[in-house]
Structures are given as structure tokens and as C-alpha cells.
Amino acid sequence: MSAGTADVIPLGQDRPETYGDAVEAYLRSAGIGESSKRIYRISLTMWAWLACGQQPPLGNSAVKRSASWT
């Protein structure tokens, strides 16, 4: 069984202005499907809360906050 390959798209020279922009640029460049992007977006959003020293919101509010990035 061999692993598949993904197309990698360069991020470009411009630096994103916000963390949300950086996440979206990363996900666009990853060459993964929309459903995978959604899962990674949620995870990266949670990590951002923790990196700021805050607890991420629980329940549907967390999903709604990360979904608003799309």
C-alpha cells in the first residue's frame, strides 16, 4: 500500500496580516480536500486560543467561531 501525494501550492511572498489569514493561506497551500480543511481549521483555531493563554469556547460556539473564517 503506497501513500498518496498532495499538490503543494507555494504561500507566496506576502505575510498574512492576521492569524486567520495565515491559517487560510496554509490550508489553501496544503492541497487537501474541503472536509479536511474544515477539521484542520477547527484545530488551528483551538490552538490559537491556547497560545493566547485562554480556554477555547466549548460546544457549538467553538465550531461557529471557526466556521466564520470561511
C-alpha atoms as a PDB file:
ATOM      1  CA  MET A   1       0.000   0.000   0.000  1.00  0.00           C
ATOM      2  CA  SER A   2       1.542   3.307  -1.020  1.00  0.00           C
ATOM      3  CA  ALA A   3       0.795   6.748   0.341  1.00  0.00           C
ATOM      4  CA  GLY A   4      -0.801   9.271  -1.998  1.00  0.00           C
ATOM      5  CA  THR A   5       0.730  12.604  -2.792  1.00  0.00           C
ATOM      6  CA  ALA A   6      -0.767  16.058  -2.467  1.00  0.00           C
ATOM      7  CA  ASP A   7      -0.170  19.103  -4.605  1.00  0.00           C
ATOM      8  CA  VAL A   8       1.657  21.795  -2.643  1.00  0.00           C
ATOM      9  CA  ILE A   9       0.949  25.401  -3.600  1.00  0.00           C
ATOM     10  CA  PRO A  10       3.566  27.995  -2.509  1.00  0.00           C
ATOM     11  CA  LEU A  11       2.392  30.502   0.092  1.00  0.00           C
ATOM     12  CA  GLY A  12       3.886  33.444  -1.785  1.00  0.00           C
ATOM     13  CA  GLN A  13       5.974  36.354  -0.567  1.00  0.00           C
ATOM     14  CA  ASP A  14       3.302  38.311   1.316  1.00  0.00           C
ATOM     15  CA  ARG A  15       2.946  37.692   5.040  1.00  0.00           C
ATOM     16  CA  PRO A  16      -0.631  37.318   6.270  1.00  0.00           C
ATOM     17  CA  GLU A  17      -1.871  40.161   8.461  1.00  0.00           C
ATOM     18  CA  THR A  18      -3.849  38.034  10.906  1.00  0.00           C
ATOM     19  CA  TYR A  19      -3.685  34.541  12.318  1.00  0.00           C
ATOM     20  CA  GLY A  20      -6.919  33.699  10.483  1.00  0.00           C
ATOM     21  CA  ASP A  21      -5.375  34.819   7.186  1.00  0.00           C
ATOM     22  CA  ALA A  22      -2.302  32.688   7.902  1.00  0.00           C
ATOM     23  CA  VAL A  23      -4.456  29.636   8.600  1.00  0.00           C
ATOM     24  CA  GLU A  24      -6.381  30.131   5.364  1.00  0.00           C
ATOM     25  CA  ALA A  25      -3.162  30.569   3.349  1.00  0.00           C
ATOM     26  CA  TYR A  26      -1.749  27.412   4.903  1.00  0.00           C
ATOM     27  CA  LEU A  27      -4.898  25.417   4.176  1.00  0.00           C
ATOM     28  CA  ARG A  28      -5.012  26.654   0.559  1.00  0.00           C
ATOM     29  CA  SER A  29      -1.410  25.564   0.070  1.00  0.00           C
ATOM     30  CA  ALA A  30      -1.872  22.144   1.670  1.00  0.00           C
ATOM     31  CA  GLY A  31      -3.611  20.569  -1.342  1.00  0.00           C
ATOM     32  CA  ILE A  32      -6.232  18.819   0.819  1.00  0.00           C
ATOM     33  CA  GLY A  33      -9.985  18.415   0.438  1.00  0.00           C
ATOM     34  CA  GLU A  34     -12.600  20.796   1.818  1.00  0.00           C
ATOM     35  CA  SER A  35     -13.675  18.427   4.596  1.00  0.00           C
ATOM     36  CA  SER A  36     -10.057  18.066   5.749  1.00  0.00           C
ATOM     37  CA  LYS A  37      -9.614  21.844   5.634  1.00  0.00           C
ATOM     38  CA  ARG A  38     -12.613  22.245   7.930  1.00  0.00           C
ATOM     39  CA  ILE A  39     -11.153  19.854  10.518  1.00  0.00           C
ATOM     40  CA  TYR A  40      -7.718  21.497  10.401  1.00  0.00           C
ATOM     41  CA  ARG A  41      -9.317  24.968  10.619  1.00  0.00           C
ATOM     42  CA  ILE A  42     -11.135  23.966  13.815  1.00  0.00           C
ATOM     43  CA  SER A  43      -7.954  22.508  15.329  1.00  0.00           C
ATOM     44  CA  LEU A  44      -5.838  25.540  14.445  1.00  0.00           C
ATOM     45  CA  THR A  45      -8.496  27.823  15.920  1.00  0.00           C
ATOM     46  CA  MET A  46      -8.398  25.893  19.191  1.00  0.00           C
ATOM     47  CA  TRP A  47      -4.601  26.102  19.305  1.00  0.00           C
ATOM     48  CA  ALA A  48      -4.791  29.870  18.832  1.00  0.00           C
ATOM     49  CA  TRP A  49      -6.962  30.213  21.943  1.00  0.00           C
ATOM     50  CA  LEU A  50      -4.480  28.144  23.954  1.00  0.00           C
ATOM     51  CA  ALA A  51      -1.481  30.071  22.601  1.00  0.00           C
ATOM     52  CA  CYS A  52      -3.099  33.265  23.912  1.00  0.00           C
ATOM     53  CA  GLY A  53      -3.446  31.707  27.358  1.00  0.00           C
ATOM     54  CA  GLN A  54      -7.223  31.348  27.136  1.00  0.00           C
ATOM     55  CA  GLN A  55      -9.512  28.357  27.201  1.00  0.00           C
ATOM     56  CA  PRO A  56     -11.298  27.717  23.905  1.00  0.00           C
ATOM     57  CA  PRO A  57     -15.089  28.018  23.962  1.00  0.00           C
ATOM     58  CA  LEU A  58     -16.924  24.731  24.405  1.00  0.00           C
ATOM     59  CA  GLY A  59     -19.724  23.252  22.342  1.00  0.00           C
ATOM     60  CA  ASN A  60     -21.283  24.744  19.248  1.00  0.00           C
ATOM     61  CA  SER A  61     -19.827  28.210  19.846  1.00  0.00           C
ATOM     62  CA  ALA A  62     -16.326  26.912  19.030  1.00  0.00           C
ATOM     63  CA  VAL A  63     -17.489  25.445  15.739  1.00  0.00           C
ATOM     64  CA  LYS A  64     -19.425  28.589  14.864  1.00  0.00           C
ATOM     65  CA  ARG A  65     -16.382  30.798  15.562  1.00  0.00           C
ATOM     66  CA  SER A  66     -14.074  28.747  13.358  1.00  0.00           C
ATOM     67  CA  ALA A  67     -16.730  28.407  10.648  1.00  0.00           C
ATOM     68  CA  SER A  68     -16.977  32.196  10.459  1.00  0.00           C
ATOM     69  CA  TRP A  69     -13.452  32.228   8.960  1.00  0.00           C
ATOM     70  CA  THR A  70     -14.719  30.637   5.760  1.00  0.00           C
END
